[in-house]
Amino acid sequence: MPPRLHPVEPQPLPLDLARLLHRLRLRYVRQAGPAILARAREEGWDYAQVLKVLFAEEAAGRDRSTREMHRKTARLPSGKTFEAWDPKASAIQGEAQWALRTLDWIGRAENLVLVGPSGTGKSHFAEAIAHAAIDRDLRVSWFTLETLTATIARSRIDASTGKVVERIVRSELVVVDDIGLLPAGADEAEALYRLVDAAYERRSLILTSNLHPARFDTIFPKGLATAAVDRLLHHAHVIVTEGQSHRLSEAIEGRGVIRLAFGDSDEPT
């Protein structure tokens, strides 16, 4: 029986090679190179296979880094993904959920409007879609109506509103959460209109609101509301969420907190 071969221990890269990889900004080749070269020696890879694996590692590392950067710059609020999503508990029709999760509609620059009472899963679904889009290497921007309005208002100081809006719609998906929760006026209407107008037939929007867009003229000046809604709904999927608040249900059932633990001497009397 032939002697058992021991795995080849990875050896540090030669200093001149490490410096060259650093100069060429091949960070992930430099990190994974010792282990990959050790495996290549052990398994007798040819040069083409070695190069393929090294450059595949570099490409994968850059993709991961890009996604991490996109996730950070998107400023998503809470880290909610589809891993924590219960499709059976959602008021959104199952077939609609799965169709939206394909993200095909983003490629067509269509919009998604989620309408319903607070606590019915609108923001969770929107954020989960946003995370899924980032995982597909798409850029995402997340706003509430208040932060969008503040961003547009700051741009008026140096007359850069057009540039700021164009910068926002560089993202393939822009989310505006919780429209209608707080009082709104002309500034909020202008901010929403500018975004919808710039994104029209170019980028996808997700809006969540406790009001159907047809009623936006009850919180915004009628002219701007009509113009924004006309463009928003022209290529939009409107999903209505119904039912009791998931947050309220969890609170009533005691699932919103971790049960307090009392020691023997700490039990209430």
Protein backbone atom coordinates (compact mmCIF):
# COMPACT_ATOMS: atom_id res chain seq x y z
CA MET A 1 0.00 0.00 0.00
CA PRO A 2 1.56 3.35 -1.00
CA PRO A 3 2.41 5.75 1.83
CA ARG A 4 -0.31 8.28 2.66
CA LEU A 5 0.51 11.70 1.27
CA HIS A 6 0.36 14.57 3.73
CA PRO A 7 -1.20 17.82 2.52
CA VAL A 8 1.33 20.37 1.36
CA GLU A 9 1.61 23.19 3.88
CA PRO A 10 1.00 26.64 2.37
CA GLN A 11 4.18 28.67 2.13
CA PRO A 12 4.27 32.48 2.24
CA LEU A 13 4.52 34.15 -1.12
CA PRO A 14 7.98 35.42 -2.06
CA LEU A 15 8.31 39.02 -0.95
CA ASP A 16 8.86 40.36 -4.48
CA LEU A 17 5.74 38.54 -5.71
CA ALA A 18 3.67 39.83 -2.78
CA ARG A 19 4.84 43.37 -3.54
CA LEU A 20 3.98 42.97 -7.22
CA LEU A 21 0.48 41.71 -6.39
CA HIS A 22 0.04 44.65 -4.03
CA ARG A 23 1.14 47.05 -6.77
CA LEU A 24 -1.33 45.49 -9.20
CA ARG A 25 -4.04 45.64 -6.50
CA LEU A 26 -4.65 41.90 -6.67
CA ARG A 27 -5.62 41.80 -3.03
CA TYR A 28 -7.48 38.52 -3.06
CA VAL A 29 -4.83 36.68 -5.08
CA ARG A 30 -2.32 37.83 -2.49
CA GLN A 31 -4.51 36.62 0.38
CA ALA A 32 -5.49 33.24 -1.09
CA GLY A 33 -2.34 32.63 -3.14
CA PRO A 34 -0.38 30.54 -0.60
CA ALA A 35 -3.24 28.07 -0.03
CA ILE A 36 -4.09 27.85 -3.74
CA LEU A 37 -0.47 27.28 -4.78
CA ALA A 38 -0.05 24.62 -2.09
CA ARG A 39 -3.11 22.80 -3.39
CA ALA A 40 -1.87 23.20 -6.97
CA ARG A 41 1.44 21.54 -6.06
CA GLU A 42 -0.32 18.73 -4.21
CA GLU A 43 -2.77 17.99 -7.03
CA GLY A 44 -0.42 18.66 -9.94
CA TRP A 45 -2.38 21.44 -11.61
CA ASP A 46 -1.13 22.84 -14.89
CA TYR A 47 -0.37 26.55 -15.25
CA ALA A 48 -3.72 27.35 -16.86
CA GLN A 49 -5.63 25.80 -13.95
CA VAL A 50 -3.53 27.72 -11.43
CA LEU A 51 -4.20 31.01 -13.20
CA LYS A 52 -7.90 30.24 -13.54
CA VAL A 53 -8.33 29.52 -9.82
CA LEU A 54 -6.26 32.51 -8.74
CA PHE A 55 -8.15 34.96 -10.93
CA ALA A 56 -11.51 33.39 -10.02
CA GLU A 57 -10.64 34.04 -6.37
CA GLU A 58 -9.80 37.65 -7.20
CA ALA A 59 -13.06 38.12 -9.10
CA ALA A 60 -15.12 36.55 -6.30
CA GLY A 61 -13.39 38.70 -3.70
CA ARG A 62 -14.03 41.87 -5.67
CA ASP A 63 -17.68 40.91 -6.10
CA ARG A 64 -18.04 40.40 -2.35
CA SER A 65 -16.35 43.72 -1.65
CA THR A 66 -18.61 45.52 -4.13
CA ARG A 67 -21.73 44.04 -2.55
CA GLU A 68 -20.55 45.03 0.92
CA MET A 69 -19.95 48.59 -0.30
CA HIS A 70 -23.36 48.72 -2.00
CA ARG A 71 -25.03 47.45 1.17
CA LYS A 72 -23.29 50.12 3.24
CA THR A 73 -24.06 53.00 0.88
CA ALA A 74 -27.70 51.88 0.49
CA ARG A 75 -28.30 52.64 4.19
CA LEU A 76 -30.88 49.93 4.63
CA PRO A 77 -32.57 50.35 8.00
CA SER A 78 -32.58 47.04 9.84
CA GLY A 79 -31.01 44.13 7.99
CA LYS A 80 -34.31 42.36 7.30
CA THR A 81 -34.00 39.80 4.51
CA PHE A 82 -36.10 37.00 3.08
CA GLU A 83 -34.44 34.59 5.52
CA ALA A 84 -36.66 36.09 8.23
CA TRP A 85 -39.69 36.45 5.94
CA ASP A 86 -42.68 34.14 6.42
CA PRO A 87 -44.44 34.01 3.04
CA LYS A 88 -47.45 32.20 4.52
CA ALA A 89 -48.01 34.90 7.12
CA SER A 90 -47.92 37.68 4.55
CA ALA A 91 -51.01 39.32 3.11
CA ILE A 92 -49.21 39.46 -0.25
CA GLN A 93 -50.44 36.75 -2.60
CA GLY A 94 -47.92 33.91 -2.82
CA GLU A 95 -47.55 34.03 -6.60
CA ALA A 96 -46.99 37.78 -6.46
CA GLN A 97 -44.32 37.35 -3.77
CA TRP A 98 -42.33 34.88 -5.85
CA ALA A 99 -42.71 36.91 -9.05
CA LEU A 100 -41.44 40.04 -7.31
CA ARG A 101 -38.54 38.13 -5.74
CA THR A 102 -37.22 37.26 -9.21
CA LEU A 103 -36.40 40.98 -9.60
CA ASP A 104 -37.24 40.73 -13.30
CA TRP A 105 -39.40 43.84 -12.93
CA ILE A 106 -36.34 45.87 -11.90
CA GLY A 107 -34.71 45.02 -15.21
CA ARG A 108 -37.80 46.48 -16.89
CA ALA A 109 -37.66 49.70 -14.81
CA GLU A 110 -41.06 48.95 -13.29
CA ASN A 111 -42.17 50.16 -9.86
CA LEU A 112 -43.57 48.47 -6.78
CA VAL A 113 -46.06 50.23 -4.50
CA LEU A 114 -46.88 48.53 -1.20
CA VAL A 115 -50.02 49.92 0.43
CA GLY A 116 -51.50 48.99 3.78
CA PRO A 117 -51.71 49.62 7.52
CA SER A 118 -48.63 49.81 9.72
CA GLY A 119 -47.16 46.47 10.75
CA THR A 120 -48.41 44.45 7.76
CA GLY A 121 -44.96 43.71 6.35
CA LYS A 122 -44.52 46.48 3.78
CA SER A 123 -41.15 47.72 4.97
CA HIS A 124 -39.84 44.21 5.66
CA PHE A 125 -40.72 43.08 2.14
CA ALA A 126 -39.24 46.24 0.62
CA GLU A 127 -35.98 45.84 2.54
CA ALA A 128 -35.76 42.14 1.71
CA ILE A 129 -36.15 43.01 -1.98
CA ALA A 130 -33.42 45.64 -1.56
CA HIS A 131 -31.02 43.11 -0.02
CA ALA A 132 -31.80 40.63 -2.79
CA ALA A 133 -31.08 43.30 -5.39
CA ILE A 134 -27.70 44.05 -3.81
CA ASP A 135 -26.93 40.32 -3.84
CA ARG A 136 -27.56 40.49 -7.61
CA ASP A 137 -24.97 43.29 -7.88
CA LEU A 138 -27.57 46.05 -8.27
CA ARG A 139 -27.21 49.42 -6.57
CA VAL A 140 -29.89 50.45 -4.10
CA SER A 141 -30.75 53.68 -2.28
CA TRP A 142 -33.09 53.76 0.71
CA PHE A 143 -34.97 56.81 1.97
CA THR A 144 -37.91 57.70 4.10
CA LEU A 145 -39.96 60.57 2.72
CA GLU A 146 -38.37 62.77 5.40
CA THR A 147 -34.76 61.89 4.50
CA LEU A 148 -35.50 62.27 0.79
CA THR A 149 -37.01 65.70 1.42
CA ALA A 150 -34.03 66.74 3.55
CA THR A 151 -31.62 65.59 0.83
CA ILE A 152 -33.42 67.64 -1.81
CA ALA A 153 -33.70 70.65 0.52
CA ARG A 154 -29.93 70.67 1.18
CA SER A 155 -29.26 70.64 -2.55
CA ARG A 156 -31.11 73.95 -2.97
CA ILE A 157 -28.39 75.72 -0.99
CA ASP A 158 -25.90 75.42 -3.84
CA ALA A 159 -28.44 74.94 -6.65
CA SER A 160 -27.35 71.32 -7.17
CA THR A 161 -30.80 69.73 -7.03
CA GLY A 162 -30.61 68.29 -10.53
CA LYS A 163 -27.22 66.72 -9.88
CA VAL A 164 -28.35 65.28 -6.55
CA VAL A 165 -31.45 63.69 -8.07
CA GLU A 166 -29.38 62.24 -10.92
CA ARG A 167 -26.96 60.82 -8.37
CA ILE A 168 -29.85 59.13 -6.56
CA VAL A 169 -31.19 57.50 -9.72
CA ARG A 170 -27.81 56.01 -10.55
CA SER A 171 -29.11 53.26 -8.28
CA GLU A 172 -31.09 50.65 -10.16
CA LEU A 173 -33.57 50.55 -7.26
CA VAL A 174 -34.66 53.44 -5.03
CA VAL A 175 -36.91 52.84 -2.02
CA VAL A 176 -39.01 55.49 -0.28
CA ASP A 177 -40.49 54.10 2.92
CA ASP A 178 -43.45 55.16 5.06
CA ILE A 179 -45.14 57.80 2.92
CA GLY A 180 -48.12 59.24 4.76
CA LEU A 181 -47.08 58.41 8.33
CA LEU A 182 -46.02 61.97 9.12
CA PRO A 183 -47.49 65.28 7.96
CA ALA A 184 -46.35 66.29 4.48
CA GLY A 185 -46.49 69.44 2.44
CA ALA A 186 -45.09 71.17 -0.61
CA ASP A 187 -41.44 70.29 0.12
CA GLU A 188 -42.22 66.60 0.48
CA ALA A 189 -44.36 66.67 -2.66
CA GLU A 190 -41.59 68.35 -4.64
CA ALA A 191 -38.98 65.84 -3.44
CA LEU A 192 -41.16 62.88 -4.37
CA TYR A 193 -42.07 64.37 -7.75
CA ARG A 194 -38.44 65.07 -8.63
CA LEU A 195 -37.48 61.49 -7.83
CA VAL A 196 -40.41 59.92 -9.67
CA ASP A 197 -39.86 62.14 -12.70
CA ALA A 198 -36.12 61.37 -12.87
CA ALA A 199 -36.67 57.63 -12.44
CA TYR A 200 -39.57 57.37 -14.90
CA GLU A 201 -38.91 54.53 -17.38
CA ARG A 202 -35.23 54.51 -16.34
CA ARG A 203 -35.09 53.12 -12.81
CA SER A 204 -37.31 51.14 -10.44
CA LEU A 205 -38.90 52.59 -7.33
CA ILE A 206 -40.41 50.91 -4.30
CA LEU A 207 -42.82 53.04 -2.28
CA THR A 208 -44.47 51.94 0.96
CA SER A 209 -47.43 53.87 2.28
CA ASN A 210 -50.51 53.56 4.43
CA LEU A 211 -52.29 55.52 1.68
CA HIS A 212 -53.03 54.36 -1.84
CA PRO A 213 -51.26 56.69 -4.32
CA ALA A 214 -54.68 57.70 -5.63
CA ARG A 215 -55.11 59.49 -2.28
CA PHE A 216 -51.75 61.25 -2.24
CA ASP A 217 -53.57 64.47 -3.11
CA THR A 218 -54.96 64.38 0.45
CA ILE A 219 -51.46 64.90 1.89
CA PHE A 220 -49.66 66.68 -0.97
CA PRO A 221 -50.58 69.71 -3.10
CA LYS A 222 -52.91 68.38 -5.78
CA GLY A 223 -50.90 69.43 -8.85
CA LEU A 224 -47.62 67.83 -7.77
CA ALA A 225 -49.42 64.78 -6.38
CA THR A 226 -51.25 64.18 -9.66
CA ALA A 227 -48.09 64.53 -11.75
CA ALA A 228 -46.06 62.24 -9.47
CA VAL A 229 -48.74 59.56 -9.23
CA ASP A 230 -49.32 59.59 -13.00
CA ARG A 231 -45.67 58.72 -13.66
CA LEU A 232 -45.35 56.40 -10.67
CA LEU A 233 -48.31 54.18 -11.51
CA HIS A 234 -47.82 54.04 -15.28
CA HIS A 235 -45.46 51.06 -14.90
CA ALA A 236 -46.22 49.92 -11.35
CA HIS A 237 -47.24 46.81 -9.46
CA VAL A 238 -49.58 47.92 -6.67
CA ILE A 239 -49.79 45.45 -3.78
CA VAL A 240 -52.25 45.94 -0.92
CA THR A 241 -51.32 44.44 2.45
CA GLU A 242 -54.11 43.85 4.92
CA GLY A 243 -54.70 42.38 8.34
CA GLN A 244 -53.57 43.06 11.88
CA SER A 245 -50.15 44.49 12.63
CA HIS A 246 -47.54 41.73 12.96
CA ARG A 247 -45.78 43.81 15.59
CA LEU A 248 -48.98 44.21 17.61
CA SER A 249 -49.74 40.48 17.33
CA GLU A 250 -46.26 39.61 18.61
CA ALA A 251 -46.65 42.07 21.47
CA ILE A 252 -50.03 40.64 22.50
CA GLU A 253 -48.64 37.09 22.40
CA GLY A 254 -45.51 38.07 24.32
CA ARG A 255 -43.19 37.30 21.39
CA GLY A 256 -41.87 40.83 21.05
CA VAL A 257 -39.41 40.47 23.95
CA ILE A 258 -37.28 37.81 25.60
CA ARG A 259 -38.96 36.61 28.78
CA LEU A 260 -37.33 38.05 31.88
CA ALA A 261 -35.44 35.53 34.02
CA PHE A 262 -35.77 35.86 37.80
CA GLY A 263 -33.29 34.34 40.23
CA ASP A 264 -34.50 32.74 43.47
CA SER A 265 -33.87 35.95 45.39
CA ASP A 266 -35.21 38.17 42.64
CA GLU A 267 -38.70 36.72 42.28
CA PRO A 268 -41.36 39.38 42.60
CA THR A 269 -43.43 39.27 45.75
